[in-house]
Amino acid sequence: MKNKPILEFAKIISGIFSNKEQALANPKKFAHIQIHIRPLFFKTFKCYAFYSEQRYQHDIWNPYRQSINKLSEKGNIFIISNH
């Protein structure tokens, strides 16, 4: 783990995110959703990888989108690919 900027970025994107303010401000246009991004074992994938799922706040036990995400870097740009 020599590359500190990519490690710091990986820490920033890990967590639980919500669009609650956006959904409350304009409920006709935006559903209230949560996005959970969990890091996966670095040694297993030999890269920074994450499990993510998106769900509606009113139906938290039934995510509507799940994916494995791989974080890489090209030059000074971080790239997250979905699998």
Protein backbone atom coordinates (compact mmCIF):
# COMPACT_ATOMS: atom_id res chain seq x y z
CA MET A 1 0.00 0.00 0.00
CA LYS A 2 2.56 2.51 -1.17
CA ASN A 3 0.14 4.94 -2.82
CA LYS A 4 -1.25 7.10 -0.02
CA PRO A 5 -3.65 9.30 -2.10
CA ILE A 6 -5.58 6.26 -3.39
CA LEU A 7 -5.74 4.81 0.13
CA GLU A 8 -7.11 8.09 1.48
CA PHE A 9 -9.68 8.22 -1.33
CA ALA A 10 -10.70 4.62 -0.56
CA LYS A 11 -11.31 5.64 3.07
CA ILE A 12 -13.42 8.62 2.00
CA ILE A 13 -15.76 6.65 -0.25
CA SER A 14 -16.29 3.86 2.30
CA GLY A 15 -19.42 4.36 4.37
CA ILE A 16 -23.15 4.95 4.27
CA PHE A 17 -24.48 7.82 2.18
CA SER A 18 -27.98 9.26 1.84
CA ASN A 19 -29.72 11.88 -0.27
CA LYS A 20 -32.17 12.75 2.52
CA GLU A 21 -31.89 16.54 2.10
CA GLN A 22 -32.39 16.32 -1.65
CA ALA A 23 -35.36 13.95 -1.27
CA LEU A 24 -37.03 16.12 1.38
CA ALA A 25 -36.52 19.28 -0.66
CA ASN A 26 -38.11 17.77 -3.79
CA PRO A 27 -39.92 14.50 -3.02
CA LYS A 28 -41.69 14.40 -6.39
CA LYS A 29 -38.35 14.16 -8.21
CA PHE A 30 -36.13 12.26 -5.75
CA ALA A 31 -36.75 9.12 -3.73
CA HIS A 32 -34.88 8.87 -0.42
CA ILE A 33 -32.10 6.33 -0.98
CA GLN A 34 -29.08 5.01 0.86
CA ILE A 35 -25.83 3.80 -0.63
CA HIS A 36 -23.66 1.47 1.44
CA ILE A 37 -20.04 1.07 0.34
CA ARG A 38 -17.97 -1.48 2.24
CA PRO A 39 -14.28 -2.23 1.62
CA LEU A 40 -13.27 -5.75 0.68
CA PHE A 41 -10.02 -7.50 1.61
CA PHE A 42 -7.08 -5.98 -0.25
CA LYS A 43 -5.13 -9.26 -0.25
CA THR A 44 -8.02 -11.19 -1.80
CA PHE A 45 -8.59 -8.87 -4.76
CA LYS A 46 -5.03 -7.45 -5.01
CA CYS A 47 -6.54 -3.99 -5.39
CA TYR A 48 -8.86 -1.61 -3.59
CA ALA A 49 -12.31 -3.16 -3.99
CA PHE A 50 -15.71 -2.54 -2.44
CA TYR A 51 -19.10 -4.14 -2.11
CA SER A 52 -21.87 -1.60 -2.63
CA GLU A 53 -25.62 -1.65 -2.55
CA GLN A 54 -28.32 0.92 -3.08
CA ARG A 55 -31.69 0.80 -1.39
CA TYR A 56 -34.78 2.88 -0.83
CA GLN A 57 -35.01 4.21 2.70
CA HIS A 58 -38.53 2.80 3.10
CA ASP A 59 -37.41 -0.70 2.02
CA ILE A 60 -33.94 -1.19 3.51
CA TRP A 61 -33.97 -5.00 3.41
CA ASN A 62 -34.40 -5.16 -0.38
CA PRO A 63 -31.55 -3.40 -2.16
CA TYR A 64 -32.29 -2.64 -5.79
CA ARG A 65 -28.66 -2.50 -6.95
CA GLN A 66 -25.64 -4.45 -5.73
CA SER A 67 -22.16 -4.42 -7.18
CA ILE A 68 -18.48 -5.03 -6.68
CA ASN A 69 -16.46 -1.88 -7.35
CA LYS A 70 -12.76 -1.70 -8.16
CA LEU A 71 -10.77 1.45 -7.47
CA SER A 72 -7.78 2.20 -9.67
CA GLU A 73 -5.72 5.20 -10.61
CA LYS A 74 -4.62 6.47 -14.01
CA GLY A 75 -2.31 9.43 -13.77
CA ASN A 76 -3.88 11.74 -11.21
CA ILE A 77 -7.42 10.44 -11.78
CA PHE A 78 -9.17 7.86 -9.61
CA ILE A 79 -11.40 5.42 -11.52
CA ILE A 80 -14.15 3.29 -9.96
CA SER A 81 -15.33 0.46 -12.18
CA ASN A 82 -18.47 -1.55 -11.47
CA HIS A 83 -18.67 -5.32 -11.83
